[in-house]
Amino acid sequence: MTSCHIAEGPIKKIAIFGGTHGNELTGVFLVKHWLQNCAEIQRTGLEVKPFITNPRAVKKCTRYIDCDLNRVFDLENLGKKISEDLPYEVKRAQEINNLFGPKNSGDSYDIIFDLHNTTSNMGCTLILEDSRNDFLIQMFHYIKTSLAPLPCCVYLIEHPYLKYATTRSVAKYPVGKEFPPCAIEVYKIMEKVDYPRNESGEIAAIIHPNLQDQDWKPLHPGDPMFLTFDGKTIPLDGDCTVYPVFVNEAAYYEKKEAFAKTTKLTLNARSIHSSFH
């Protein structure tokens, strides 16, 4: 799973992050490999920096130490005064912002690729945060085309109530050559769905076996969604088909998220020319 964030201007500096969540090992192993063998990611005229973002969590092979590093890159946390009581990940976010930012400034890195894993059955996924950015759509189209025939889905998290301050949000943006107009299919988040719970707030049902491992597959009204501990099926209500993602993601139990409902749509981008080759 790859996430990125970019902004306008010629590309000069790129970072590749691994270990934002210390127990998501694909990014950790790749970044450690590139730290020892950097030639395969270097390009003429570019500075490409591999970086372990949460080394303490990586060492313990845990998602985080005090709080989720991928949620604390808001300006409030980045501006907090250093103290012993400050959570480790907030301190680390400030360090990362100083190294690769500052956020929302002209000095920040142009692109950050943030590598993640998921315990849900989502396969290769790109996370998009801006449906109106022609460059981002072009870049994702290029990546999807380059990976073909391997399927690669695009998860659009553009939602005023569901966005969060990610590690990659420190960076800004453009990549290169002439790109003709294009279109990509994306899955836009609608809402996050919690597990059914009892009066004590404890989980009272599991993901229905028919839904387990069915990320990106259509879930129709009336289809099984949850199975209670006493064997009762809870179906999807409403009148529209949705596409579940992050189904039964282990790291999201604490976030009270059984899966996210998405809707499928197509984004179009105009032709662009950029300076990265």
Protein backbone atom coordinates (compact mmCIF):
# COMPACT_ATOMS: atom_id res chain seq x y z
CA MET A 1 0.00 0.00 0.00
CA THR A 2 1.48 3.29 -1.09
CA SER A 3 0.45 6.79 -0.13
CA CYS A 4 1.86 10.03 -1.44
CA HIS A 5 1.34 13.73 -1.19
CA ILE A 6 2.63 16.42 -3.55
CA ALA A 7 2.30 20.16 -4.45
CA GLU A 8 3.33 22.48 -7.34
CA GLY A 9 6.87 23.12 -8.59
CA PRO A 10 9.67 21.17 -10.35
CA ILE A 11 10.63 17.93 -8.65
CA LYS A 12 14.00 17.94 -6.95
CA LYS A 13 13.61 16.04 -3.68
CA ILE A 14 11.76 12.76 -3.04
CA ALA A 15 11.53 10.76 0.18
CA ILE A 16 10.46 7.14 0.61
CA PHE A 17 9.14 6.38 4.09
CA GLY A 18 8.92 2.98 5.73
CA GLY A 19 7.95 2.12 9.28
CA THR A 20 5.40 4.88 9.85
CA HIS A 21 3.65 1.95 11.50
CA GLY A 22 6.41 -0.17 12.96
CA ASN A 23 4.70 -3.51 12.41
CA GLU A 24 4.05 -2.94 8.68
CA LEU A 25 7.19 -4.62 7.44
CA THR A 26 7.17 -4.28 3.65
CA GLY A 27 8.14 -0.61 3.86
CA VAL A 28 10.59 -1.29 6.66
CA PHE A 29 12.43 -3.99 4.69
CA LEU A 30 12.45 -1.97 1.46
CA VAL A 31 13.74 1.20 3.10
CA LYS A 32 16.45 -0.72 4.98
CA HIS A 33 17.43 -2.35 1.67
CA TRP A 34 17.62 1.02 -0.10
CA LEU A 35 19.63 2.52 2.75
CA GLN A 36 22.25 -0.14 2.00
CA ASN A 37 21.75 -0.26 -1.79
CA CYS A 38 20.57 3.15 -2.90
CA ALA A 39 21.58 2.94 -6.60
CA GLU A 40 18.27 1.41 -7.76
CA ILE A 41 16.20 4.36 -6.51
CA GLN A 42 18.53 7.16 -7.61
CA ARG A 43 17.75 9.26 -10.68
CA THR A 44 19.82 11.98 -12.37
CA GLY A 45 18.95 15.42 -11.06
CA LEU A 46 16.98 14.11 -8.08
CA GLU A 47 17.68 13.64 -4.41
CA VAL A 48 15.93 10.44 -3.30
CA LYS A 49 16.06 9.74 0.42
CA PRO A 50 14.85 6.46 2.03
CA PHE A 51 13.89 6.98 5.66
CA ILE A 52 12.65 4.93 8.65
CA THR A 53 9.95 7.12 10.17
CA ASN A 54 9.24 5.45 13.52
CA PRO A 55 12.43 3.59 14.57
CA ARG A 56 11.29 2.82 18.14
CA ALA A 57 8.09 1.20 16.90
CA VAL A 58 10.05 -0.69 14.21
CA LYS A 59 12.42 -2.03 16.88
CA LYS A 60 9.48 -3.27 18.96
CA CYS A 61 7.53 -4.38 15.84
CA THR A 62 4.47 -2.53 17.07
CA ARG A 63 2.20 -0.04 15.30
CA TYR A 64 3.31 2.84 17.52
CA ILE A 65 4.77 3.66 20.95
CA ASP A 66 2.44 6.34 22.37
CA CYS A 67 0.08 7.33 19.54
CA ASP A 68 -0.40 6.81 15.81
CA LEU A 69 2.38 8.67 13.95
CA ASN A 70 0.19 8.79 10.83
CA ARG A 71 -2.37 11.01 12.58
CA VAL A 72 -0.30 13.72 14.29
CA PHE A 73 1.03 15.89 11.45
CA ASP A 74 -1.48 18.67 12.08
CA LEU A 75 -0.16 22.16 12.73
CA GLU A 76 -1.21 22.02 16.39
CA ASN A 77 0.97 19.01 17.15
CA LEU A 78 3.82 20.22 14.97
CA GLY A 79 3.85 23.52 16.87
CA LYS A 80 3.83 22.09 20.40
CA LYS A 81 6.72 22.93 22.70
CA ILE A 82 9.07 20.02 23.34
CA SER A 83 8.65 18.50 26.79
CA GLU A 84 9.13 15.15 28.51
CA ASP A 85 5.36 14.67 28.62
CA LEU A 86 4.98 15.00 24.85
CA PRO A 87 4.15 11.62 23.19
CA TYR A 88 7.07 10.06 21.36
CA GLU A 89 5.29 10.14 18.00
CA VAL A 90 4.53 13.85 18.32
CA LYS A 91 8.22 14.52 18.98
CA ARG A 92 9.08 12.32 16.02
CA ALA A 93 6.57 14.17 13.82
CA GLN A 94 8.29 17.43 14.68
CA GLU A 95 11.67 15.92 13.78
CA ILE A 96 10.31 14.64 10.46
CA ASN A 97 8.72 17.99 9.73
CA ASN A 98 12.06 19.70 10.31
CA LEU A 99 13.87 17.21 8.07
CA PHE A 100 11.40 17.04 5.18
CA GLY A 101 9.29 20.18 5.59
CA PRO A 102 8.38 22.49 7.05
CA LYS A 103 4.83 21.56 6.12
CA ASN A 104 3.10 24.03 3.76
CA SER A 105 6.40 25.71 2.90
CA GLY A 106 8.40 26.10 -0.29
CA ASP A 107 11.33 24.28 1.30
CA SER A 108 9.54 20.97 1.87
CA TYR A 109 10.26 17.81 -0.09
CA ASP A 110 8.32 17.58 -3.34
CA ILE A 111 7.03 14.01 -2.95
CA ILE A 112 6.84 11.57 -0.07
CA PHE A 113 5.98 7.96 -0.82
CA ASP A 114 4.77 6.38 2.41
CA LEU A 115 4.73 2.56 2.29
CA HIS A 116 2.15 0.66 4.33
CA ASN A 117 0.66 -2.80 4.83
CA THR A 118 -2.84 -3.88 5.82
CA THR A 119 -4.22 -7.10 7.31
CA SER A 120 -7.32 -6.73 5.11
CA ASN A 121 -7.45 -8.25 1.63
CA MET A 122 -6.96 -5.05 -0.37
CA GLY A 123 -4.01 -6.02 -2.55
CA CYS A 124 -2.01 -3.22 -4.15
CA THR A 125 -3.64 0.10 -3.20
CA LEU A 126 -2.90 3.78 -3.81
CA ILE A 127 -4.39 6.38 -1.46
CA LEU A 128 -5.58 9.62 -3.06
CA GLU A 129 -6.54 12.73 -1.08
CA ASP A 130 -7.45 15.24 -3.81
CA SER A 131 -9.87 14.41 -6.65
CA ARG A 132 -9.30 17.77 -8.38
CA ASN A 133 -5.53 17.58 -8.74
CA ASP A 134 -4.70 16.72 -12.38
CA PHE A 135 -1.13 15.81 -11.54
CA LEU A 136 -2.07 13.34 -8.81
CA ILE A 137 -4.62 11.66 -11.08
CA GLN A 138 -2.04 11.50 -13.87
CA MET A 139 0.57 10.00 -11.54
CA PHE A 140 -1.81 7.39 -10.19
CA HIS A 141 -2.89 6.53 -13.74
CA TYR A 142 0.78 6.10 -14.68
CA ILE A 143 1.43 3.83 -11.69
CA LYS A 144 -1.68 1.73 -12.36
CA THR A 145 -0.70 1.36 -16.03
CA SER A 146 2.88 0.46 -15.14
CA LEU A 147 1.71 -2.25 -12.72
CA ALA A 148 -0.74 -3.84 -15.16
CA PRO A 149 -1.82 -6.64 -15.33
CA LEU A 150 -1.42 -6.55 -11.54
CA PRO A 151 -4.61 -4.92 -10.21
CA CYS A 152 -4.12 -1.69 -8.29
CA CYS A 153 -7.10 0.09 -6.74
CA VAL A 154 -7.28 3.77 -5.78
CA TYR A 155 -8.83 4.68 -2.41
CA LEU A 156 -10.09 8.27 -2.36
CA ILE A 157 -10.17 9.59 1.22
CA GLU A 158 -11.27 13.08 0.26
CA HIS A 159 -13.92 13.71 2.94
CA PRO A 160 -14.19 16.71 5.28
CA TYR A 161 -14.82 14.55 8.36
CA LEU A 162 -12.54 11.62 7.62
CA LYS A 163 -9.21 13.18 6.63
CA TYR A 164 -6.31 13.05 9.04
CA ALA A 165 -2.86 14.58 9.37
CA THR A 166 -0.65 11.99 7.69
CA THR A 167 3.11 11.60 7.60
CA ARG A 168 3.15 12.23 3.85
CA SER A 169 1.32 15.57 4.23
CA VAL A 170 4.68 17.23 4.96
CA ALA A 171 5.56 17.14 1.23
CA LYS A 172 4.49 19.14 -1.82
CA TYR A 173 4.55 18.02 -5.77
CA PRO A 174 5.02 17.41 -10.09
CA VAL A 175 6.50 14.36 -12.08
CA GLY A 176 7.48 14.12 -15.73
CA LYS A 177 7.00 14.30 -19.47
CA GLU A 178 3.85 15.03 -21.49
CA PHE A 179 0.82 13.17 -20.19
CA PRO A 180 -2.32 13.12 -22.37
CA PRO A 181 -5.77 13.43 -20.80
CA CYS A 182 -6.64 10.37 -18.75
CA ALA A 183 -9.25 8.87 -16.46
CA ILE A 184 -8.94 6.56 -13.45
CA GLU A 185 -11.47 4.59 -11.47
CA VAL A 186 -11.42 5.35 -7.74
CA TYR A 187 -13.27 4.22 -4.64
CA LYS A 188 -14.33 7.26 -2.63
CA ILE A 189 -14.93 6.83 1.09
CA MET A 190 -18.50 7.41 2.25
CA GLU A 191 -18.33 6.47 5.91
CA LYS A 192 -16.59 4.18 8.38
CA VAL A 193 -18.65 1.36 9.88
CA ASP A 194 -18.14 0.17 13.46
CA TYR A 195 -18.79 -3.33 14.72
CA PRO A 196 -22.14 -3.87 16.44
CA ARG A 197 -21.67 -3.38 20.16
CA ASN A 198 -23.51 -4.30 23.34
CA GLU A 199 -24.58 -1.92 26.11
CA SER A 200 -21.09 -2.09 27.62
CA GLY A 201 -19.52 -0.98 24.36
CA GLU A 202 -17.98 -4.38 23.65
CA ILE A 203 -17.96 -5.87 20.14
CA ALA A 204 -21.06 -8.05 19.76
CA ALA A 205 -20.60 -9.38 16.21
CA ILE A 206 -17.89 -10.33 13.73
CA ILE A 207 -17.50 -9.66 10.03
CA HIS A 208 -19.81 -12.09 8.22
CA PRO A 209 -17.88 -14.89 6.44
CA ASN A 210 -19.43 -13.78 3.13
CA LEU A 211 -17.85 -10.34 3.56
CA GLN A 212 -14.46 -11.42 4.93
CA ASP A 213 -11.63 -10.85 2.39
CA GLN A 214 -14.05 -9.22 -0.07
CA ASP A 215 -12.42 -5.78 -0.18
CA TRP A 216 -13.36 -3.78 -3.31
CA LYS A 217 -16.22 -6.22 -4.10
CA PRO A 218 -19.81 -4.88 -4.34
CA LEU A 219 -21.93 -5.20 -1.20
CA HIS A 220 -25.61 -4.89 -2.03
CA PRO A 221 -28.48 -3.91 0.27
CA GLY A 222 -29.57 -7.04 2.09
CA ASP A 223 -26.20 -8.78 1.73
CA PRO A 224 -24.72 -10.22 4.97
CA MET A 225 -22.50 -7.73 6.76
CA PHE A 226 -22.04 -8.98 10.36
CA LEU A 227 -22.68 -12.20 12.26
CA THR A 228 -23.61 -11.90 15.94
CA PHE A 229 -22.21 -14.29 18.51
CA ASP A 230 -25.59 -16.00 18.75
CA GLY A 231 -25.70 -16.62 15.00
CA LYS A 232 -27.87 -13.74 13.77
CA THR A 233 -26.97 -12.18 10.43
CA ILE A 234 -26.96 -8.39 10.17
CA PRO A 235 -27.39 -7.30 6.53
CA LEU A 236 -26.48 -4.06 4.80
CA ASP A 237 -29.38 -1.64 4.99
CA GLY A 238 -30.11 1.32 2.75
CA ASP A 239 -30.78 1.34 -0.97
CA CYS A 240 -27.34 1.63 -2.60
CA THR A 241 -24.51 -0.74 -3.38
CA VAL A 242 -21.21 0.01 -1.63
CA TYR A 243 -17.66 -1.28 -1.94
CA PRO A 244 -16.08 -2.23 1.42
CA VAL A 245 -12.37 -1.61 2.07
CA PHE A 246 -10.12 -2.26 5.07
CA VAL A 247 -12.43 -5.15 5.96
CA ASN A 248 -11.53 -6.44 9.43
CA GLU A 249 -8.24 -4.50 9.53
CA ALA A 250 -6.61 -5.53 12.80
CA ALA A 251 -5.10 -2.12 13.53
CA TYR A 252 -8.52 -0.48 13.29
CA TYR A 253 -10.18 -2.30 16.20
CA GLU A 254 -8.98 0.50 18.46
CA LYS A 255 -10.39 3.03 16.00
CA LYS A 256 -13.82 1.33 16.08
CA GLU A 257 -13.79 0.60 12.36
CA ALA A 258 -14.94 -2.76 10.98
CA PHE A 259 -14.65 -1.53 7.40
CA ALA A 260 -15.14 1.59 5.30
CA LYS A 261 -17.95 2.00 2.79
CA THR A 262 -16.89 3.44 -0.54
CA THR A 263 -18.62 4.36 -3.78
CA LYS A 264 -17.04 3.82 -7.18
CA LEU A 265 -16.52 6.77 -9.52
CA THR A 266 -14.29 7.98 -12.35
CA LEU A 267 -11.90 10.95 -12.16
CA ASN A 268 -10.67 12.74 -15.28
CA ALA A 269 -7.45 14.73 -15.64
CA ARG A 270 -6.33 17.20 -18.29
CA SER A 271 -3.04 16.73 -20.12
CA ILE A 272 -0.01 18.02 -18.24
CA HIS A 273 3.68 18.56 -18.85
CA SER A 274 6.18 18.30 -16.02
CA SER A 275 9.91 18.26 -15.48
CA PHE A 276 10.62 14.94 -13.78
CA HIS A 277 11.91 12.14 -16.09
